[in-house]
Amino acid sequence: LALLVSGWTAWSLHRSQSPERIIEARGLVIHDGTGQPRLILGAPVPDPLSRGRTQGPRATALSGLILLGPDGSERGGYGTSDRGGEALLTLDDATGTTEVFKVVANPDRGASLMVKHQNNTGAMLTSWQGKP
């Protein structure tokens, strides 16, 4: 039995050190030197954060990468929506409460680009079936 366990342990260790290994997980959180979460990779990602606190639920479940500022506020992200098949790229203001740049690609409705200025004015460019 000891020989069997030793052999299995050696084989498992060898596999875990292989350059072809694949890590499977539902999420990964990368922390900075102070222990603050800075990147969240998830399927799905958690609800939006401002100063490390949840700001309510997302409009729809999202799988992707979320960027956090040093204070824990969401500063942007890239992902795919579980509803509607959209791909999104966003950048948020310093508080993490307002999207100031957003690109959405929707398989049925085309693409949209939204930009918001600090004085709450904004611009939107959208296309539908190849037409602006």
N, C-alpha and C. Protein backbone atom coordinates (compact mmCIF):
# COMPACT_ATOMS: atom_id res chain seq x y z
N LEU A 1 0.83 -1.20 0.00
CA LEU A 1 0.00 0.00 0.00
C LEU A 1 0.88 1.26 0.00
N ALA A 2 1.93 1.25 0.83
CA ALA A 2 2.82 2.41 0.90
C ALA A 2 3.49 2.65 -0.45
N LEU A 3 3.86 1.58 -1.14
CA LEU A 3 4.50 1.71 -2.45
C LEU A 3 3.51 2.28 -3.47
N LEU A 4 2.27 1.85 -3.40
CA LEU A 4 1.24 2.36 -4.29
C LEU A 4 0.99 3.85 -4.06
N VAL A 5 0.87 4.26 -2.80
CA VAL A 5 0.66 5.67 -2.46
C VAL A 5 1.86 6.50 -2.88
N SER A 6 3.07 6.01 -2.65
CA SER A 6 4.29 6.74 -3.05
C SER A 6 4.35 6.91 -4.56
N GLY A 7 4.02 5.86 -5.29
CA GLY A 7 4.03 5.94 -6.75
C GLY A 7 3.01 6.93 -7.27
N TRP A 8 1.79 6.90 -6.70
CA TRP A 8 0.75 7.83 -7.12
C TRP A 8 1.15 9.26 -6.80
N THR A 9 1.74 9.50 -5.64
CA THR A 9 2.18 10.83 -5.24
C THR A 9 3.25 11.35 -6.19
N ALA A 10 4.23 10.52 -6.53
CA ALA A 10 5.29 10.92 -7.45
C ALA A 10 4.72 11.24 -8.83
N TRP A 11 3.79 10.42 -9.30
CA TRP A 11 3.17 10.66 -10.60
C TRP A 11 2.37 11.96 -10.60
N SER A 12 1.62 12.21 -9.53
CA SER A 12 0.83 13.45 -9.41
C SER A 12 1.73 14.67 -9.38
N LEU A 13 2.82 14.60 -8.63
CA LEU A 13 3.77 15.72 -8.56
C LEU A 13 4.38 15.99 -9.92
N HIS A 14 4.75 14.94 -10.63
CA HIS A 14 5.33 15.10 -11.96
C HIS A 14 4.33 15.78 -12.90
N ARG A 15 3.06 15.35 -12.88
CA ARG A 15 2.03 15.95 -13.73
C ARG A 15 1.81 17.42 -13.39
N SER A 16 1.84 17.77 -12.11
CA SER A 16 1.57 19.15 -11.71
C SER A 16 2.69 20.09 -12.13
N GLN A 17 3.86 19.57 -12.41
CA GLN A 17 4.99 20.41 -12.82
C GLN A 17 5.19 20.43 -14.33
N SER A 18 4.34 19.75 -15.07
CA SER A 18 4.45 19.69 -16.52
C SER A 18 4.11 21.05 -17.13
N PRO A 19 4.87 21.51 -18.14
CA PRO A 19 4.56 22.79 -18.78
C PRO A 19 3.24 22.76 -19.57
N GLU A 20 2.72 21.57 -19.86
CA GLU A 20 1.46 21.46 -20.58
C GLU A 20 0.24 21.37 -19.66
N ARG A 21 0.44 21.56 -18.37
CA ARG A 21 -0.68 21.39 -17.44
C ARG A 21 -1.75 22.46 -17.70
N ILE A 22 -2.96 22.12 -17.38
CA ILE A 22 -4.10 23.01 -17.53
C ILE A 22 -4.73 23.19 -16.16
N ILE A 23 -4.96 24.43 -15.79
CA ILE A 23 -5.61 24.74 -14.52
C ILE A 23 -7.08 25.02 -14.83
N GLU A 24 -7.96 24.33 -14.15
CA GLU A 24 -9.39 24.56 -14.33
C GLU A 24 -9.96 25.12 -13.04
N ALA A 25 -10.68 26.23 -13.17
CA ALA A 25 -11.27 26.88 -11.99
C ALA A 25 -12.43 27.75 -12.44
N ARG A 26 -13.28 28.15 -11.50
CA ARG A 26 -14.37 29.07 -11.80
C ARG A 26 -13.95 30.51 -11.55
N GLY A 27 -12.84 30.70 -10.85
CA GLY A 27 -12.41 32.06 -10.58
C GLY A 27 -10.98 32.13 -10.09
N LEU A 28 -10.41 33.33 -10.23
CA LEU A 28 -9.05 33.60 -9.78
C LEU A 28 -9.00 35.07 -9.37
N VAL A 29 -8.45 35.36 -8.21
CA VAL A 29 -8.30 36.73 -7.73
C VAL A 29 -6.82 37.00 -7.55
N ILE A 30 -6.32 38.08 -8.17
CA ILE A 30 -4.92 38.48 -8.05
C ILE A 30 -4.86 39.68 -7.11
N HIS A 31 -4.02 39.59 -6.08
CA HIS A 31 -3.86 40.66 -5.08
C HIS A 31 -2.56 41.42 -5.33
N ASP A 32 -2.54 42.71 -4.96
CA ASP A 32 -1.31 43.49 -5.04
C ASP A 32 -0.46 43.24 -3.79
N GLY A 33 0.64 43.96 -3.65
CA GLY A 33 1.55 43.78 -2.53
C GLY A 33 0.96 44.07 -1.17
N THR A 34 -0.13 44.84 -1.14
CA THR A 34 -0.77 45.16 0.15
C THR A 34 -1.91 44.19 0.48
N GLY A 35 -2.17 43.24 -0.40
CA GLY A 35 -3.24 42.29 -0.18
C GLY A 35 -4.58 42.70 -0.77
N GLN A 36 -4.60 43.85 -1.46
CA GLN A 36 -5.84 44.35 -2.08
C GLN A 36 -6.11 43.59 -3.38
N PRO A 37 -7.32 43.05 -3.58
CA PRO A 37 -7.64 42.43 -4.87
C PRO A 37 -7.55 43.47 -5.99
N ARG A 38 -6.89 43.11 -7.10
CA ARG A 38 -6.74 44.04 -8.23
C ARG A 38 -7.29 43.49 -9.54
N LEU A 39 -7.28 42.17 -9.70
CA LEU A 39 -7.83 41.53 -10.89
C LEU A 39 -8.71 40.37 -10.47
N ILE A 40 -9.87 40.27 -11.08
CA ILE A 40 -10.76 39.14 -10.81
C ILE A 40 -11.09 38.49 -12.14
N LEU A 41 -10.78 37.24 -12.25
CA LEU A 41 -11.11 36.44 -13.42
C LEU A 41 -12.16 35.44 -12.96
N GLY A 42 -13.33 35.46 -13.58
CA GLY A 42 -14.37 34.59 -13.07
C GLY A 42 -15.45 34.23 -14.06
N ALA A 43 -16.12 33.14 -13.76
CA ALA A 43 -17.25 32.68 -14.55
C ALA A 43 -18.32 32.18 -13.59
N PRO A 44 -19.15 33.07 -13.06
CA PRO A 44 -19.26 34.50 -13.35
C PRO A 44 -18.36 35.33 -12.44
N VAL A 45 -18.24 36.62 -12.77
CA VAL A 45 -17.53 37.56 -11.91
C VAL A 45 -18.51 38.06 -10.85
N PRO A 46 -18.01 38.58 -9.72
CA PRO A 46 -18.93 39.08 -8.68
C PRO A 46 -19.62 40.37 -9.10
N ASP A 47 -20.58 40.80 -8.29
CA ASP A 47 -21.30 42.05 -8.55
C ASP A 47 -20.34 43.24 -8.49
N PRO A 48 -20.71 44.39 -9.10
CA PRO A 48 -19.83 45.57 -9.14
C PRO A 48 -19.40 46.02 -7.74
N LEU A 49 -18.16 46.52 -7.65
CA LEU A 49 -17.60 46.97 -6.38
C LEU A 49 -17.23 48.44 -6.42
N SER A 50 -17.48 49.15 -5.34
CA SER A 50 -17.00 50.51 -5.14
C SER A 50 -16.38 50.56 -3.76
N ARG A 51 -15.10 50.87 -3.72
CA ARG A 51 -14.33 50.87 -2.47
C ARG A 51 -14.46 49.53 -1.73
N GLY A 52 -14.47 48.45 -2.50
CA GLY A 52 -14.52 47.12 -1.94
C GLY A 52 -15.89 46.63 -1.52
N ARG A 53 -16.93 47.45 -1.71
CA ARG A 53 -18.28 47.07 -1.31
C ARG A 53 -19.16 46.84 -2.54
N THR A 54 -20.01 45.83 -2.46
CA THR A 54 -20.92 45.51 -3.55
C THR A 54 -21.92 46.63 -3.77
N GLN A 55 -22.14 46.97 -5.04
CA GLN A 55 -23.07 48.05 -5.39
C GLN A 55 -24.38 47.52 -5.95
N GLY A 56 -24.74 46.31 -5.61
CA GLY A 56 -25.96 45.71 -6.13
C GLY A 56 -25.63 44.75 -7.26
N PRO A 57 -26.63 44.05 -7.75
CA PRO A 57 -26.37 43.04 -8.76
C PRO A 57 -26.04 43.63 -10.13
N ARG A 58 -25.29 42.88 -10.92
CA ARG A 58 -25.06 43.25 -12.31
C ARG A 58 -26.37 43.11 -13.08
N ALA A 59 -26.46 43.78 -14.21
CA ALA A 59 -27.67 43.69 -15.03
C ALA A 59 -27.89 42.25 -15.50
N THR A 60 -26.81 41.53 -15.74
CA THR A 60 -26.86 40.12 -16.12
C THR A 60 -25.56 39.46 -15.68
N ALA A 61 -25.59 38.17 -15.53
CA ALA A 61 -24.37 37.45 -15.17
C ALA A 61 -23.32 37.67 -16.25
N LEU A 62 -22.07 37.86 -15.83
CA LEU A 62 -20.97 38.18 -16.73
C LEU A 62 -19.79 37.29 -16.40
N SER A 63 -19.16 36.74 -17.42
CA SER A 63 -17.93 35.97 -17.24
C SER A 63 -16.81 36.73 -17.91
N GLY A 64 -15.68 36.91 -17.21
CA GLY A 64 -14.58 37.64 -17.80
C GLY A 64 -13.57 38.12 -16.78
N LEU A 65 -12.99 39.30 -17.07
CA LEU A 65 -11.92 39.88 -16.27
C LEU A 65 -12.37 41.25 -15.75
N ILE A 66 -12.25 41.46 -14.45
CA ILE A 66 -12.59 42.74 -13.82
C ILE A 66 -11.31 43.36 -13.27
N LEU A 67 -11.11 44.67 -13.53
CA LEU A 67 -9.97 45.43 -13.02
C LEU A 67 -10.43 46.25 -11.83
N LEU A 68 -9.67 46.21 -10.74
CA LEU A 68 -10.00 46.98 -9.54
C LEU A 68 -8.89 47.97 -9.25
N GLY A 69 -9.27 49.18 -8.77
CA GLY A 69 -8.30 50.18 -8.36
C GLY A 69 -7.74 49.85 -6.99
N PRO A 70 -6.77 50.64 -6.53
CA PRO A 70 -6.14 50.37 -5.23
C PRO A 70 -7.09 50.48 -4.05
N ASP A 71 -8.23 51.16 -4.23
CA ASP A 71 -9.20 51.27 -3.13
C ASP A 71 -10.29 50.21 -3.20
N GLY A 72 -10.19 49.29 -4.15
CA GLY A 72 -11.19 48.23 -4.29
C GLY A 72 -12.34 48.56 -5.21
N SER A 73 -12.28 49.73 -5.87
CA SER A 73 -13.35 50.12 -6.80
C SER A 73 -13.12 49.49 -8.16
N GLU A 74 -14.22 49.02 -8.76
CA GLU A 74 -14.14 48.46 -10.10
C GLU A 74 -13.78 49.57 -11.08
N ARG A 75 -12.74 49.36 -11.87
CA ARG A 75 -12.29 50.38 -12.83
C ARG A 75 -12.53 49.97 -14.27
N GLY A 76 -13.00 48.75 -14.49
CA GLY A 76 -13.31 48.32 -15.84
C GLY A 76 -13.30 46.81 -15.95
N GLY A 77 -13.57 46.36 -17.16
CA GLY A 77 -13.57 44.93 -17.36
C GLY A 77 -13.83 44.54 -18.79
N TYR A 78 -13.67 43.26 -19.03
CA TYR A 78 -13.91 42.68 -20.34
C TYR A 78 -14.60 41.35 -20.11
N GLY A 79 -15.69 41.10 -20.82
CA GLY A 79 -16.35 39.83 -20.59
C GLY A 79 -17.45 39.55 -21.58
N THR A 80 -18.10 38.43 -21.35
CA THR A 80 -19.23 38.03 -22.15
C THR A 80 -20.44 37.87 -21.24
N SER A 81 -21.57 38.31 -21.73
CA SER A 81 -22.81 38.24 -20.97
C SER A 81 -23.42 36.85 -21.11
N ASP A 82 -23.95 36.34 -20.00
CA ASP A 82 -24.63 35.05 -20.06
C ASP A 82 -25.98 35.16 -20.74
N ARG A 83 -26.50 36.35 -20.91
CA ARG A 83 -27.79 36.57 -21.55
C ARG A 83 -27.58 37.46 -22.78
N GLY A 84 -27.99 37.02 -23.93
CA GLY A 84 -27.91 37.85 -25.13
C GLY A 84 -26.65 37.68 -25.95
N GLY A 85 -25.66 36.97 -25.45
CA GLY A 85 -24.46 36.71 -26.23
C GLY A 85 -23.58 37.92 -26.47
N GLU A 86 -23.68 38.95 -25.64
CA GLU A 86 -22.89 40.17 -25.84
C GLU A 86 -21.46 40.00 -25.32
N ALA A 87 -20.54 40.69 -25.98
CA ALA A 87 -19.18 40.88 -25.48
C ALA A 87 -19.07 42.35 -25.10
N LEU A 88 -18.46 42.64 -23.93
CA LEU A 88 -18.39 44.01 -23.42
C LEU A 88 -16.97 44.36 -23.00
N LEU A 89 -16.62 45.64 -23.19
CA LEU A 89 -15.38 46.21 -22.69
C LEU A 89 -15.77 47.53 -22.03
N THR A 90 -15.45 47.69 -20.74
CA THR A 90 -15.84 48.91 -20.02
C THR A 90 -14.67 49.50 -19.26
N LEU A 91 -14.72 50.82 -19.08
CA LEU A 91 -13.82 51.55 -18.18
C LEU A 91 -14.71 52.39 -17.28
N ASP A 92 -14.43 52.39 -15.97
CA ASP A 92 -15.26 53.11 -15.00
C ASP A 92 -14.51 54.31 -14.44
N ASP A 93 -15.27 55.25 -13.86
CA ASP A 93 -14.63 56.40 -13.20
C ASP A 93 -13.89 55.93 -11.95
N ALA A 94 -13.20 56.86 -11.31
CA ALA A 94 -12.36 56.51 -10.16
C ALA A 94 -13.14 55.94 -8.98
N THR A 95 -14.44 56.27 -8.89
CA THR A 95 -15.24 55.74 -7.78
C THR A 95 -15.77 54.34 -8.07
N GLY A 96 -15.73 53.94 -9.33
CA GLY A 96 -16.26 52.64 -9.71
C GLY A 96 -17.76 52.60 -9.82
N THR A 97 -18.42 53.76 -9.80
CA THR A 97 -19.88 53.79 -9.84
C THR A 97 -20.45 54.17 -11.20
N THR A 98 -19.62 54.69 -12.11
CA THR A 98 -20.11 55.16 -13.41
C THR A 98 -19.23 54.63 -14.53
N GLU A 99 -19.85 54.00 -15.51
CA GLU A 99 -19.12 53.60 -16.71
C GLU A 99 -18.89 54.85 -17.55
N VAL A 100 -17.63 55.13 -17.90
CA VAL A 100 -17.33 56.30 -18.71
C VAL A 100 -16.95 55.91 -20.14
N PHE A 101 -16.70 54.63 -20.37
CA PHE A 101 -16.38 54.13 -21.71
C PHE A 101 -16.92 52.71 -21.78
N LYS A 102 -17.66 52.43 -22.87
CA LYS A 102 -18.24 51.09 -22.99
C LYS A 102 -18.37 50.72 -24.45
N VAL A 103 -17.90 49.55 -24.79
CA VAL A 103 -18.08 48.98 -26.12
C VAL A 103 -18.86 47.69 -25.94
N VAL A 104 -19.93 47.55 -26.71
CA VAL A 104 -20.77 46.35 -26.64
C VAL A 104 -20.90 45.77 -28.04
N ALA A 105 -20.63 44.49 -28.17
CA ALA A 105 -20.85 43.78 -29.43
C ALA A 105 -21.97 42.77 -29.20
N ASN A 106 -23.06 42.95 -29.95
CA ASN A 106 -24.22 42.08 -29.80
C ASN A 106 -24.44 41.34 -31.10
N PRO A 107 -24.58 40.01 -31.07
CA PRO A 107 -24.71 39.26 -32.32
C PRO A 107 -25.96 39.60 -33.12
N ASP A 108 -27.00 40.12 -32.48
CA ASP A 108 -28.24 40.45 -33.19
C ASP A 108 -28.38 41.94 -33.49
N ARG A 109 -27.82 42.79 -32.64
CA ARG A 109 -28.05 44.23 -32.77
C ARG A 109 -26.83 45.02 -33.23
N GLY A 110 -25.71 44.38 -33.46
CA GLY A 110 -24.52 45.09 -33.91
C GLY A 110 -23.66 45.57 -32.76
N ALA A 111 -22.93 46.66 -33.00
CA ALA A 111 -21.98 47.17 -32.01
C ALA A 111 -22.37 48.57 -31.56
N SER A 112 -21.98 48.90 -30.32
CA SER A 112 -22.22 50.24 -29.78
C SER A 112 -20.99 50.70 -29.02
N LEU A 113 -20.70 52.00 -29.11
CA LEU A 113 -19.62 52.64 -28.37
C LEU A 113 -20.24 53.79 -27.60
N MET A 114 -20.02 53.81 -26.28
CA MET A 114 -20.56 54.89 -25.45
C MET A 114 -19.41 55.53 -24.68
N VAL A 115 -19.39 56.87 -24.68
CA VAL A 115 -18.38 57.63 -23.96
C VAL A 115 -19.10 58.68 -23.12
N LYS A 116 -18.74 58.78 -21.85
CA LYS A 116 -19.39 59.74 -20.95
C LYS A 116 -18.32 60.67 -20.38
N HIS A 117 -18.58 61.98 -20.44
CA HIS A 117 -17.66 62.98 -19.90
C HIS A 117 -17.96 63.19 -18.42
N GLN A 118 -17.01 63.78 -17.70
CA GLN A 118 -17.19 64.00 -16.26
C GLN A 118 -18.34 64.96 -15.94
N ASN A 119 -18.75 65.78 -16.91
CA ASN A 119 -19.89 66.68 -16.66
C ASN A 119 -21.22 66.04 -17.05
N ASN A 120 -21.23 64.72 -17.20
CA ASN A 120 -22.41 63.91 -17.53
C ASN A 120 -22.91 64.06 -18.95
N THR A 121 -22.15 64.74 -19.82
CA THR A 121 -22.50 64.71 -21.24
C THR A 121 -21.86 63.46 -21.82
N GLY A 122 -22.40 63.01 -22.92
CA GLY A 122 -21.85 61.79 -23.50
C GLY A 122 -22.13 61.70 -24.97
N ALA A 123 -21.57 60.68 -25.57
CA ALA A 123 -21.78 60.42 -26.98
C ALA A 123 -21.93 58.91 -27.16
N MET A 124 -22.71 58.56 -28.18
CA MET A 124 -22.92 57.14 -28.46
C MET A 124 -22.88 56.93 -29.96
N LEU A 125 -22.17 55.93 -30.38
CA LEU A 125 -22.10 55.52 -31.78
C LEU A 125 -22.57 54.08 -31.82
N THR A 126 -23.53 53.80 -32.67
CA THR A 126 -24.07 52.44 -32.71
C THR A 126 -24.28 52.01 -34.16
N SER A 127 -24.28 50.73 -34.38
CA SER A 127 -24.56 50.19 -35.71
C SER A 127 -25.60 49.09 -35.57
N TRP A 128 -26.34 48.88 -36.63
CA TRP A 128 -27.32 47.81 -36.65
C TRP A 128 -27.37 47.26 -38.06
N GLN A 129 -27.14 46.01 -38.20
CA GLN A 129 -27.09 45.33 -39.50
C GLN A 129 -26.16 46.06 -40.46
N GLY A 130 -25.00 46.46 -39.94
CA GLY A 130 -23.99 47.09 -40.78
C GLY A 130 -24.21 48.55 -41.09
N LYS A 131 -25.22 49.18 -40.48
CA LYS A 131 -25.52 50.59 -40.74
C LYS A 131 -25.34 51.41 -39.47
N PRO A 132 -24.72 52.60 -39.57
CA PRO A 132 -24.54 53.44 -38.37
C PRO A 132 -25.85 54.05 -37.90
